[in-house]
Protein backbone atom coordinates (compact mmCIF):
# COMPACT_ATOMS: atom_id res chain seq x y z
CA MET A 1 0.00 0.00 0.00
CA THR A 2 1.40 3.36 -1.02
CA GLN A 3 1.67 5.83 1.86
CA GLU A 4 0.52 9.41 1.50
CA SER A 5 3.31 11.85 0.71
CA LEU A 6 4.12 14.11 3.66
CA SER A 7 5.41 17.68 3.60
CA TYR A 8 7.08 19.93 6.13
CA ARG A 9 3.75 21.76 6.45
CA ASP A 10 2.12 18.43 7.44
CA ALA A 11 4.69 18.21 10.23
CA GLY A 12 3.69 21.67 11.49
CA VAL A 13 6.36 23.87 9.89
CA ASP A 14 5.20 26.48 7.40
CA ILE A 15 8.15 27.60 5.26
CA ASP A 16 5.97 30.04 3.36
CA ALA A 17 4.96 31.78 6.60
CA GLY A 18 8.62 32.08 7.52
CA ASP A 19 9.42 33.65 4.17
CA GLN A 20 6.48 36.03 4.58
CA LEU A 21 7.79 37.11 7.99
CA VAL A 22 11.24 37.88 6.56
CA GLU A 23 9.67 40.17 3.97
CA ARG A 24 7.50 41.83 6.64
CA ILE A 25 10.42 42.67 8.92
CA LYS A 26 12.88 43.92 6.29
CA PRO A 27 11.54 47.52 6.37
CA PHE A 28 11.86 47.60 10.18
CA ALA A 29 15.43 46.33 10.07
CA ARG A 30 16.32 48.76 7.28
CA LYS A 31 15.54 51.70 9.57
CA THR A 32 18.26 50.54 11.99
CA MET A 33 21.12 50.46 9.50
CA ARG A 34 24.29 52.33 10.42
CA PRO A 35 27.84 52.65 9.04
CA GLY A 36 29.66 49.33 9.27
CA VAL A 37 26.83 47.06 8.12
CA LEU A 38 27.84 44.92 5.16
CA GLY A 39 24.90 43.21 3.44
CA GLY A 40 21.36 42.84 4.72
CA ILE A 41 18.97 40.40 6.35
CA GLY A 42 18.66 37.03 4.66
CA GLY A 43 22.25 35.81 4.46
CA PHE A 44 23.74 32.89 6.38
CA GLY A 45 25.76 35.28 8.52
CA ALA A 46 25.64 38.97 9.37
CA LEU A 47 28.64 41.09 8.45
CA PHE A 48 29.81 44.20 10.28
CA GLU A 49 33.03 46.15 9.82
CA VAL A 50 34.77 47.34 12.99
CA PRO A 51 34.73 51.16 13.02
CA ARG A 52 38.02 52.62 11.83
CA ASN A 53 38.05 55.54 14.25
CA TYR A 54 39.16 53.24 17.10
CA ARG A 55 42.90 52.81 17.66
CA GLU A 56 42.61 49.73 19.92
CA PRO A 57 39.02 48.53 19.54
CA VAL A 58 37.74 46.03 22.09
CA LEU A 59 34.50 44.21 21.29
CA VAL A 60 32.00 43.86 24.13
CA SER A 61 29.12 41.38 23.85
CA GLY A 62 26.03 40.57 25.84
CA THR A 63 23.07 38.22 25.56
CA ASP A 64 19.77 38.02 27.41
CA GLY A 65 16.04 37.37 27.19
CA VAL A 66 13.03 39.00 28.81
CA GLY A 67 12.17 36.33 31.37
CA THR A 68 8.63 35.68 32.50
CA LYS A 69 7.48 39.13 31.41
CA LEU A 70 6.65 37.14 28.26
CA LYS A 71 3.88 35.33 30.13
CA LEU A 72 2.10 38.62 30.73
CA ALA A 73 2.55 39.62 27.08
CA PHE A 74 0.82 36.35 26.11
CA GLU A 75 -2.01 36.80 28.60
CA LEU A 76 -2.63 40.42 27.63
CA GLN A 77 -2.06 39.81 23.90
CA ARG A 78 0.39 42.71 23.66
CA HIS A 79 3.49 41.98 21.63
CA ASP A 80 4.55 45.35 20.22
CA THR A 81 6.92 46.47 22.99
CA ILE A 82 8.41 43.24 24.34
CA GLY A 83 11.10 43.50 21.64
CA ILE A 84 12.26 46.81 23.14
CA ASP A 85 12.82 44.95 26.42
CA LEU A 86 14.87 42.35 24.59
CA VAL A 87 17.22 44.92 23.07
CA ALA A 88 17.48 46.94 26.28
CA MET A 89 18.59 44.00 28.38
CA SER A 90 21.69 43.48 26.25
CA VAL A 91 22.62 47.00 25.09
CA ASN A 92 22.32 48.49 28.59
CA ASP A 93 24.58 45.73 29.90
CA ILE A 94 27.41 46.31 27.42
CA LEU A 95 26.99 50.07 27.76
CA VAL A 96 28.12 50.04 31.40
CA GLN A 97 31.62 49.03 30.30
CA GLY A 98 31.79 52.06 28.05
CA ALA A 99 30.81 50.25 24.85
CA GLU A 100 28.85 51.79 21.99
CA PRO A 101 26.40 49.14 20.73
CA LEU A 102 27.05 48.30 17.07
CA PHE A 103 24.65 45.54 16.13
CA PHE A 104 22.00 43.17 17.45
CA LEU A 105 20.70 39.72 16.54
CA ASP A 106 17.51 38.09 17.79
CA TYR A 107 16.18 34.56 18.18
CA PHE A 108 12.41 33.99 18.02
CA ALA A 109 11.15 30.46 18.68
CA CYS A 110 7.56 29.17 18.63
CA GLY A 111 5.49 26.06 18.12
CA LYS A 112 3.46 27.50 15.24
CA LEU A 113 4.43 30.73 13.55
CA ASP A 114 1.86 33.52 13.66
CA VAL A 115 3.23 36.06 11.19
CA ASP A 116 1.32 39.02 12.64
CA THR A 117 2.49 38.33 16.20
CA ALA A 118 6.08 37.72 15.15
CA ALA A 119 6.09 40.89 13.04
CA ASP A 120 4.87 42.90 16.05
CA VAL A 121 7.67 41.46 18.17
CA VAL A 122 10.38 42.17 15.58
CA LYS A 123 8.99 45.66 15.01
CA GLY A 124 9.61 46.27 18.72
CA ILE A 125 13.11 44.85 18.42
CA ALA A 126 13.82 47.22 15.54
CA ARG A 127 12.47 50.14 17.58
CA GLY A 128 14.78 49.18 20.44
CA CYS A 129 17.72 49.11 18.07
CA GLU A 130 16.81 52.58 16.80
CA LEU A 131 16.75 53.88 20.39
CA ALA A 132 20.15 52.28 21.02
CA GLY A 133 21.67 53.43 17.73
CA CYS A 134 22.62 49.87 16.75
CA ALA A 135 21.79 47.86 13.65
CA LEU A 136 19.44 44.88 13.58
CA ILE A 137 21.52 42.85 11.14
CA GLY A 138 20.21 39.32 11.55
CA GLY A 139 18.39 36.75 13.60
CA GLU A 140 16.64 33.42 13.56
CA THR A 141 13.00 32.40 13.50
CA ALA A 142 12.48 28.81 14.62
CA GLU A 143 9.13 27.06 14.21
CA MET A 144 9.22 23.90 16.34
CA PRO A 145 5.91 22.00 16.63
CA GLY A 146 5.33 20.51 20.05
CA MET A 147 7.96 22.60 21.82
CA TYR A 148 5.75 25.50 22.95
CA PRO A 149 2.09 25.88 23.96
CA ALA A 150 -0.21 27.43 21.37
CA GLY A 151 0.13 31.21 21.23
CA GLU A 152 3.45 31.29 23.07
CA TYR A 153 7.01 31.96 21.95
CA ASP A 154 10.46 32.54 23.39
CA LEU A 155 12.92 35.34 22.77
CA ALA A 156 16.65 35.78 23.11
CA GLY A 157 18.96 38.53 21.92
CA PHE A 158 22.63 39.18 21.38
CA ALA A 159 24.38 42.56 21.16
CA VAL A 160 27.93 43.51 20.21
CA GLY A 161 29.53 46.87 20.93
CA VAL A 162 32.96 48.44 20.80
CA VAL A 163 35.04 50.50 23.21
CA GLU A 164 38.54 51.97 23.01
CA LYS A 165 40.78 49.78 25.16
CA SER A 166 41.97 52.77 27.18
CA ALA A 167 38.36 53.87 27.78
CA ILE A 168 36.97 50.64 29.27
CA ILE A 169 34.92 51.43 32.39
CA ASP A 170 35.43 48.84 35.12
CA GLY A 171 34.91 50.71 38.40
CA SER A 172 38.57 50.43 39.41
CA THR A 173 38.98 54.21 39.89
CA ILE A 174 36.01 54.54 42.30
CA VAL A 175 37.11 55.99 45.66
CA PRO A 176 35.43 57.30 48.82
CA GLY A 177 33.81 60.67 48.18
CA ASP A 178 32.56 59.80 44.72
CA VAL A 179 28.86 60.32 44.06
CA LEU A 180 26.15 58.00 42.72
CA LEU A 181 23.63 59.35 40.23
CA GLY A 182 20.38 57.53 39.56
CA LEU A 183 18.65 57.46 36.18
CA PRO A 184 14.91 56.73 36.35
CA SER A 185 13.44 53.47 35.14
CA SER A 186 10.26 53.20 33.09
CA GLY A 187 8.83 50.55 35.41
CA ALA A 188 9.90 47.06 36.43
CA HIS A 189 11.80 46.73 33.13
CA ALA A 190 12.21 42.96 32.58
CA ASN A 191 13.22 41.76 36.02
CA GLY A 192 11.39 40.43 39.04
CA TYR A 193 8.44 39.25 36.99
CA SER A 194 8.16 35.85 38.65
CA LEU A 195 7.42 37.65 41.92
CA LEU A 196 5.33 40.29 40.13
CA ARG A 197 3.18 37.61 38.50
CA LYS A 198 2.74 35.82 41.83
CA ILE A 199 1.52 39.06 43.38
CA ILE A 200 -0.95 39.53 40.51
CA ALA A 201 -2.18 35.95 40.85
CA ARG A 202 -2.80 36.48 44.56
CA SER A 203 -4.42 39.94 44.43
CA GLN A 204 -6.42 39.36 41.21
CA PRO A 205 -6.51 43.05 40.19
CA ASP A 206 -8.37 44.47 37.24
CA LEU A 207 -5.44 45.07 34.90
CA ALA A 208 -7.57 47.34 32.73
CA GLN A 209 -8.23 49.77 35.58
CA ALA A 210 -6.80 53.30 35.51
CA PHE A 211 -3.65 53.10 37.57
CA ASP A 212 -1.24 56.00 37.28
CA GLY A 213 -2.52 59.06 35.47
CA GLU A 214 -3.81 57.99 32.07
CA ILE A 215 -2.24 54.52 31.99
CA THR A 216 -3.74 51.23 33.13
CA LEU A 217 -2.16 48.71 35.46
CA ALA A 218 -1.48 46.48 32.43
CA GLU A 219 0.35 49.33 30.70
CA ALA A 220 2.40 50.03 33.83
CA ILE A 221 3.38 46.37 34.10
CA LEU A 222 4.30 45.99 30.42
CA ALA A 223 6.02 49.37 30.01
CA PRO A 224 9.17 48.66 27.95
CA THR A 225 12.62 48.88 29.49
CA ARG A 226 14.31 52.25 29.20
CA ILE A 227 17.34 52.30 26.90
CA TYR A 228 20.10 54.55 28.23
CA VAL A 229 22.60 54.32 25.38
CA LYS A 230 22.47 57.74 23.73
CA SER A 231 22.32 59.76 26.94
CA LEU A 232 25.17 57.87 28.59
CA LEU A 233 27.37 57.97 25.48
CA ALA A 234 26.90 61.75 25.56
CA LEU A 235 27.92 61.76 29.23
CA MET A 236 31.03 59.66 28.58
CA GLN A 237 32.10 62.08 25.87
CA SER A 238 31.73 65.01 28.26
CA LEU A 239 33.50 63.88 31.44
CA PRO A 240 35.15 60.88 33.15
CA VAL A 241 32.62 58.25 34.21
CA LYS A 242 34.01 55.98 36.92
CA GLY A 243 31.40 53.25 36.93
CA MET A 244 27.90 52.30 35.80
CA ALA A 245 25.51 49.61 37.00
CA HIS A 246 22.48 48.43 35.03
CA ILE A 247 19.84 47.56 37.64
CA THR A 248 18.52 44.20 36.48
CA GLY A 249 17.98 40.89 38.28
CA GLY A 250 19.23 41.34 41.84
CA GLY A 251 17.88 44.86 42.12
CA ILE A 252 19.80 47.84 43.45
CA THR A 253 21.62 46.01 46.23
CA GLY A 254 22.65 43.16 43.93
CA ASN A 255 23.92 45.14 40.94
CA VAL A 256 25.74 48.18 42.32
CA PRO A 257 28.34 45.99 44.12
CA ARG A 258 29.35 44.47 40.77
CA ILE A 259 31.19 47.68 39.83
CA LEU A 260 32.77 48.53 43.20
CA PRO A 261 36.37 47.92 44.29
CA PRO A 262 36.71 45.82 47.47
CA ALA A 263 37.64 48.73 49.77
CA VAL A 264 34.50 50.84 49.24
CA THR A 265 30.77 50.69 49.88
CA ALA A 266 27.87 52.52 48.27
CA GLU A 267 25.38 54.22 50.58
CA ILE A 268 22.13 54.95 48.75
CA VAL A 269 19.43 57.18 50.20
CA GLN A 270 15.96 55.79 49.55
CA ALA A 271 14.26 59.20 49.77
CA ALA A 272 16.51 60.69 47.08
CA TRP A 273 14.04 59.79 44.32
CA PRO A 274 10.27 59.35 44.13
CA ARG A 275 9.36 55.67 44.00
CA PRO A 276 6.95 55.01 41.10
CA LYS A 277 3.42 53.98 42.05
CA LEU A 278 3.91 50.49 40.57
CA PHE A 279 6.47 49.54 43.21
CA ASP A 280 4.34 50.84 46.06
CA TRP A 281 1.48 48.71 44.71
CA LEU A 282 3.68 45.62 44.43
CA GLN A 283 5.03 46.04 47.93
CA ARG A 284 1.58 46.56 49.42
CA GLU A 285 -0.22 43.77 47.54
CA GLY A 286 2.61 41.30 48.06
CA SER A 287 3.53 42.31 51.61
CA VAL A 288 7.10 42.48 50.34
CA THR A 289 9.74 43.67 52.81
CA GLU A 290 11.79 46.76 52.01
CA SER A 291 15.03 44.78 51.75
CA GLU A 292 13.40 42.29 49.36
CA MET A 293 12.11 45.14 47.19
CA HIS A 294 15.65 46.46 46.75
CA ARG A 295 16.99 42.94 46.16
CA VAL A 296 14.47 42.11 43.41
CA PHE A 297 13.24 45.29 41.71
CA ASN A 298 14.87 48.46 40.43
CA CYS A 299 12.40 50.49 42.53
CA GLY A 300 12.49 53.36 40.04
CA ILE A 301 16.24 53.52 39.30
CA GLY A 302 17.24 51.70 36.12
CA MET A 303 20.86 52.80 35.91
CA VAL A 304 23.40 54.01 38.47
CA VAL A 305 26.35 56.15 37.43
CA VAL A 306 29.40 56.95 39.58
CA VAL A 307 31.29 60.21 39.03
CA ALA A 308 33.76 62.31 41.01
CA ARG A 309 32.15 64.85 43.31
CA GLU A 310 33.54 67.78 41.32
CA ASN A 311 31.79 66.49 38.17
CA VAL A 312 28.33 66.00 39.66
CA GLN A 313 26.77 69.27 38.55
CA GLN A 314 28.05 68.95 34.98
CA ALA A 315 27.00 65.28 34.79
CA VAL A 316 23.45 66.03 35.91
CA GLN A 317 23.22 68.87 33.40
CA VAL A 318 24.50 66.73 30.49
CA LEU A 319 22.12 63.91 31.35
CA ARG A 320 19.12 66.18 31.69
CA GLU A 321 19.89 67.83 28.36
CA ALA A 322 19.95 64.30 26.89
CA GLY A 323 16.51 63.57 28.34
CA GLU A 324 17.55 61.78 31.54
CA PRO A 325 16.35 63.51 34.74
CA ALA A 326 19.24 62.19 36.81
CA VAL A 327 19.37 62.75 40.58
CA VAL A 328 22.03 62.28 43.24
CA ILE A 329 21.09 59.12 45.14
CA GLY A 330 24.13 58.34 47.27
CA VAL A 331 27.84 58.43 47.99
CA ILE A 332 30.83 56.12 48.03
CA LYS A 333 32.40 55.51 51.46
CA ALA A 334 35.30 53.51 52.82
CA ARG A 335 34.14 49.99 53.59
CA ALA A 336 34.52 48.64 57.11
CA HIS A 337 35.22 44.98 57.78
CA GLY A 338 32.04 42.94 57.40
CA GLU A 339 30.07 45.85 55.94
CA ALA A 340 27.80 45.23 52.95
CA ALA A 341 29.02 46.49 49.58
CA THR A 342 25.79 48.46 49.07
CA THR A 343 23.18 49.61 51.55
CA VAL A 344 19.93 51.52 51.10
CA VAL A 345 19.21 53.83 54.01
CA SER A 346 15.93 55.52 54.86
CA ASP A 347 17.35 59.03 55.16
C-alpha cells in the first residue's frame, strides 16, 4: 500500500509563513542600518566592519532574554513592545563598560508561527535598536511543533559593541567621596516578573483599571525597558565616568556591588528619588519587605552612574539635556570589615 506523501507543512512547519515574515520585517530592520553594516537580512551570517576611528578597539558582547514578562505579554495579547525589552537587556549591559552598541541579533522560537504576532515582536526589536543606535543585522525564527504551547514563543537577543581599550569602564577608579547618580526606570523593566506575576495571581486586580494618570495597570506592568545608550554615550564624551551599573535581576543592592572595588561601599538614600506607584502597589499587595524590594526590583532607578564629586553638577546637566532627569542618590564611602558592599538607608 502506497503511503501518502508528507510535507514539512504536514509536520507543522510552514516555510511560506517564515518567508512572509522575513519580507514583513525587512523595512523595520532597514531603519536601523548604520555605518559598518555589510549586506542585509537574509544571508547565512551577518557582516559588520569594525569602526576605523578606534585605535585599539575592544568588542564587548552581551546576551539576554526577557524572562517571564513574556507570560504577561501572552495573557494580555500585547506583543509590540516586548522587543524593546529584549534589546534593552543586552545593550544596557554592554553600555556600562563604556561600549557603543554596534549591532543586534535576535532569536524567536515558537510552536506555530503567527506572522502578525512575530512581526509585532520584531517591530519592537527594531524600535529598540533605533533607540540604542545599533543595527538589527540578523536573527533566527524557529518554528518547532510541540515545543511551545499554542500562542506562546520565546525570545533571546545578542548585542555587540565596541570601546577603546583605554576607555573601558570597570569601576577600578572609584574611591570614597565619589557620588552616585540615579537614572529613572520606566517601570519594572524585565526583572522580578516571577514575583510580580505571583503578586498579581494572589491579588487578582483588574489590569484594565486606571492606575497612574492615564495609563492602566497592564500598561504600567508591560512598560518597555528604558534604553540609556544615547544619553550615557553623551555623558562619557563630556566627562570621566568611573562606573555604571544596570539595575537588572538582583535589584539595586545586587547590581551596584558588581562595579565597586573591594575597599568601598555605596550608601544609597531611599528618599533621594520618588518611587513610582507600581512599586508601592507591588510592595503593598505582596507584603514584600523593604530589603526584598531592593533585592528584586529596580524600585524606580534603572541605571546608576558613579562620578567624582567635582563632576556631579556637569554630569546632571549633560544627562538632563539628553533627556535623563538624573538625581544624586548616594555616595561612596570607605568599607569597614564585614560591611555590605551596598546599603539603602531611609534618610
